[in-house]
C-alpha atoms as a PDB file:
ATOM      1  CA  MET A   1      -6.700 -62.713  60.729  1.00  0.00           C
ATOM      2  CA  ARG A   2      -5.401 -61.227  63.998  1.00  0.00           C
ATOM      3  CA  ILE A   3      -1.650 -61.909  64.162  1.00  0.00           C
ATOM      4  CA  PHE A   4       0.851 -61.234  66.944  1.00  0.00           C
ATOM      5  CA  VAL A   5       4.537 -61.193  65.946  1.00  0.00           C
ATOM      6  CA  LEU A   6       6.960 -61.721  68.828  1.00  0.00           C
ATOM      7  CA  GLY A   7      10.378 -60.323  67.961  1.00  0.00           C
ATOM      8  CA  ALA A   8      10.221 -57.251  65.737  1.00  0.00           C
ATOM      9  CA  GLY A   9      13.805 -57.262  64.536  1.00  0.00           C
ATOM     10  CA  ALA A  10      14.768 -57.401  60.877  1.00  0.00           C
ATOM     11  CA  THR A  11      12.793 -60.555  60.038  1.00  0.00           C
ATOM     12  CA  GLY A  12       9.810 -60.064  62.344  1.00  0.00           C
ATOM     13  CA  SER A  13       9.236 -56.435  61.358  1.00  0.00           C
ATOM     14  CA  LEU A  14       9.402 -57.209  57.646  1.00  0.00           C
ATOM     15  CA  LEU A  15       6.956 -60.081  58.068  1.00  0.00           C
ATOM     16  CA  ALA A  16       4.609 -57.869  60.120  1.00  0.00           C
ATOM     17  CA  GLN A  17       4.615 -55.211  57.391  1.00  0.00           C
ATOM     18  CA  LEU A  18       3.894 -57.784  54.676  1.00  0.00           C
ATOM     19  CA  LEU A  19       1.042 -59.311  56.681  1.00  0.00           C
ATOM     20  CA  GLU A  20      -0.459 -55.881  57.296  1.00  0.00           C
ATOM     21  CA  ARG A  21      -0.302 -55.094  53.549  1.00  0.00           C
ATOM     22  CA  LEU A  22      -2.249 -58.311  52.938  1.00  0.00           C
ATOM     23  CA  GLY A  23      -5.049 -56.978  55.143  1.00  0.00           C
ATOM     24  CA  HIS A  24      -4.363 -58.770  58.422  1.00  0.00           C
ATOM     25  CA  THR A  25      -4.559 -57.090  61.821  1.00  0.00           C
ATOM     26  CA  VAL A  26      -0.982 -57.186  63.121  1.00  0.00           C
ATOM     27  CA  TRP A  27       0.736 -56.090  66.309  1.00  0.00           C
ATOM     28  CA  CYS A  28       4.230 -56.834  67.581  1.00  0.00           C
ATOM     29  CA  GLY A  29       5.979 -57.553  70.837  1.00  0.00           C
ATOM     30  CA  ASP A  30       9.665 -56.958  71.466  1.00  0.00           C
ATOM     31  CA  ARG A  31      11.985 -56.469  74.435  1.00  0.00           C
ATOM     32  CA  ASP A  32      13.066 -53.108  72.986  1.00  0.00           C
ATOM     33  CA  PRO A  33      10.089 -51.261  71.426  1.00  0.00           C
ATOM     34  CA  GLU A  34      12.244 -48.305  70.307  1.00  0.00           C
ATOM     35  CA  ARG A  35      14.534 -50.571  68.299  1.00  0.00           C
ATOM     36  CA  ALA A  36      11.519 -52.424  66.911  1.00  0.00           C
ATOM     37  CA  ARG A  37       9.975 -49.103  65.862  1.00  0.00           C
ATOM     38  CA  ARG A  38      13.177 -48.267  63.945  1.00  0.00           C
ATOM     39  CA  PHE A  39      12.954 -51.599  62.104  1.00  0.00           C
ATOM     40  CA  LEU A  40       9.288 -51.008  61.289  1.00  0.00           C
ATOM     41  CA  GLY A  41       9.959 -47.487  60.011  1.00  0.00           C
ATOM     42  CA  LYS A  42       8.516 -44.053  60.721  1.00  0.00           C
ATOM     43  CA  LYS A  43       5.429 -44.517  58.548  1.00  0.00           C
ATOM     44  CA  SER A  44       4.382 -47.818  60.121  1.00  0.00           C
ATOM     45  CA  THR A  45       1.187 -47.857  62.166  1.00  0.00           C
ATOM     46  CA  ILE A  46       1.823 -51.337  63.589  1.00  0.00           C
ATOM     47  CA  PRO A  47       1.628 -51.192  67.402  1.00  0.00           C
ATOM     48  CA  VAL A  48       4.622 -52.489  69.375  1.00  0.00           C
ATOM     49  CA  THR A  49       4.344 -53.712  72.960  1.00  0.00           C
ATOM     50  CA  LYS A  50       7.242 -54.293  75.344  1.00  0.00           C
ATOM     51  CA  VAL A  51       7.400 -58.043  75.995  1.00  0.00           C
ATOM     52  CA  ASN A  52       9.999 -60.233  77.634  1.00  0.00           C
ATOM     53  CA  ALA A  53      10.082 -63.548  75.736  1.00  0.00           C
ATOM     54  CA  ARG A  54      11.151 -65.321  78.946  1.00  0.00           C
ATOM     55  CA  ASN A  55       7.852 -64.362  80.621  1.00  0.00           C
ATOM     56  CA  LEU A  56       4.937 -66.627  79.673  1.00  0.00           C
ATOM     57  CA  ARG A  57       2.320 -64.394  81.303  1.00  0.00           C
ATOM     58  CA  GLY A  58       3.729 -61.326  79.555  1.00  0.00           C
ATOM     59  CA  ILE A  59       3.472 -63.007  76.160  1.00  0.00           C
ATOM     60  CA  VAL A  60      -0.087 -64.175  76.857  1.00  0.00           C
ATOM     61  CA  LYS A  61      -1.093 -60.668  77.960  1.00  0.00           C
ATOM     62  CA  ALA A  62       0.488 -58.990  74.915  1.00  0.00           C
ATOM     63  CA  ALA A  63      -0.906 -61.520  72.430  1.00  0.00           C
ATOM     64  CA  LYS A  64      -4.421 -61.684  73.891  1.00  0.00           C
ATOM     65  CA  GLY A  65      -7.026 -61.840  71.144  1.00  0.00           C
ATOM     66  CA  CYS A  66      -4.712 -63.106  68.420  1.00  0.00           C
ATOM     67  CA  GLN A  67      -5.497 -66.039  66.191  1.00  0.00           C
ATOM     68  CA  LEU A  68      -1.855 -66.654  65.240  1.00  0.00           C
ATOM     69  CA  ILE A  69       1.435 -66.130  67.076  1.00  0.00           C
ATOM     70  CA  VAL A  70       4.507 -65.786  64.897  1.00  0.00           C
ATOM     71  CA  ASN A  71       7.664 -66.444  66.889  1.00  0.00           C
ATOM     72  CA  ALA A  72      10.450 -64.358  65.344  1.00  0.00           C
ATOM     73  CA  SER A  73      12.486 -64.344  68.556  1.00  0.00           C
ATOM     74  CA  ALA A  74      15.557 -66.439  69.372  1.00  0.00           C
ATOM     75  CA  SER A  75      15.101 -70.211  69.299  1.00  0.00           C
ATOM     76  CA  VAL A  76      15.852 -70.440  73.023  1.00  0.00           C
ATOM     77  CA  PHE A  77      12.320 -69.089  73.628  1.00  0.00           C
ATOM     78  CA  ASN A  78      10.486 -71.565  71.362  1.00  0.00           C
ATOM     79  CA  GLU A  79       8.973 -73.635  74.163  1.00  0.00           C
ATOM     80  CA  ILE A  80       7.755 -70.620  76.159  1.00  0.00           C
ATOM     81  CA  VAL A  81       6.141 -68.995  73.112  1.00  0.00           C
ATOM     82  CA  LEU A  82       4.552 -72.302  72.107  1.00  0.00           C
ATOM     83  CA  ARG A  83       3.057 -72.607  75.589  1.00  0.00           C
ATOM     84  CA  ALA A  84       1.652 -69.077  75.251  1.00  0.00           C
ATOM     85  CA  ALA A  85       0.010 -70.052  71.951  1.00  0.00           C
ATOM     86  CA  LEU A  86      -1.514 -73.125  73.598  1.00  0.00           C
ATOM     87  CA  ARG A  87      -2.909 -71.028  76.449  1.00  0.00           C
ATOM     88  CA  LEU A  88      -4.419 -68.586  73.966  1.00  0.00           C
ATOM     89  CA  ARG A  89      -5.676 -71.433  71.746  1.00  0.00           C
ATOM     90  CA  ALA A  90      -3.912 -69.707  68.863  1.00  0.00           C
ATOM     91  CA  HIS A  91      -2.069 -71.112  65.886  1.00  0.00           C
ATOM     92  CA  TYR A  92       1.731 -71.025  66.087  1.00  0.00           C
ATOM     93  CA  VAL A  93       4.435 -70.379  63.489  1.00  0.00           C
ATOM     94  CA  ASP A  94       8.093 -70.557  64.437  1.00  0.00           C
ATOM     95  CA  LEU A  95      10.741 -68.850  62.305  1.00  0.00           C
ATOM     96  CA  SER A  96      13.792 -70.225  64.139  1.00  0.00           C
ATOM     97  CA  SER A  97      13.051 -73.855  64.823  1.00  0.00           C
ATOM     98  CA  HIS A  98      15.587 -76.080  66.586  1.00  0.00           C
ATOM     99  CA  LEU A  99      15.159 -79.577  67.896  1.00  0.00           C
ATOM    100  CA  THR A 100      17.214 -78.930  71.012  1.00  0.00           C
ATOM    101  CA  ARG A 101      16.381 -76.615  73.854  1.00  0.00           C
ATOM    102  CA  HIS A 102      19.727 -74.816  73.714  1.00  0.00           C
ATOM    103  CA  PRO A 103      20.961 -74.943  70.109  1.00  0.00           C
ATOM    104  CA  PHE A 104      24.249 -73.162  70.787  1.00  0.00           C
ATOM    105  CA  ARG A 105      25.267 -75.298  73.749  1.00  0.00           C
ATOM    106  CA  PRO A 106      27.091 -78.472  72.684  1.00  0.00           C
ATOM    107  CA  SER A 107      25.211 -81.684  73.388  1.00  0.00           C
ATOM    108  CA  ASN A 108      26.737 -84.389  75.576  1.00  0.00           C
ATOM    109  CA  SER A 109      27.343 -86.717  72.633  1.00  0.00           C
ATOM    110  CA  ALA A 110      29.216 -84.004  70.697  1.00  0.00           C
ATOM    111  CA  THR A 111      31.311 -83.224  73.763  1.00  0.00           C
ATOM    112  CA  GLN A 112      32.115 -86.910  74.214  1.00  0.00           C
ATOM    113  CA  ARG A 113      33.122 -87.295  70.558  1.00  0.00           C
ATOM    114  CA  ASN A 114      35.442 -84.282  70.803  1.00  0.00           C
ATOM    115  CA  SER A 115      37.100 -85.599  73.952  1.00  0.00           C
ATOM    116  CA  GLU A 116      37.567 -89.017  72.296  1.00  0.00           C
ATOM    117  CA  LYS A 117      39.257 -87.361  69.313  1.00  0.00           C
ATOM    118  CA  LYS A 118      41.601 -85.433  71.607  1.00  0.00           C
ATOM    119  CA  THR A 119      42.636 -88.566  73.489  1.00  0.00           C
ATOM    120  CA  ALA A 120      43.146 -90.489  70.224  1.00  0.00           C
ATOM    121  CA  TRP A 121      45.777 -87.957  69.120  1.00  0.00           C
ATOM    122  CA  ARG A 122      47.740 -88.141  72.347  1.00  0.00           C
END
């Protein structure tokens, strides 16, 4: 299978190496190819392309020809990477799934509950 791994940090690079050992054709995309190369190791032959996960066209261009996109980037980019997979008609695996668009930004209901607690103590 032809697999594109977006985000070649600690998790993505390890997964890419394991997939390659299993006989799959693997290539990676990362915003910092030099850092990704350090994670992959000196002996690795896995190609790394510079890709900005905020850029849908860039992801599509880098992943062209893949059958599977593995999203090992931050969860903030889930929707963009999913759209790239849909455009490529590729399968999609997400390693950092969240149900909200911005998982580290408090939701309105949580903010309201916190403000209610503060006023209850006053």
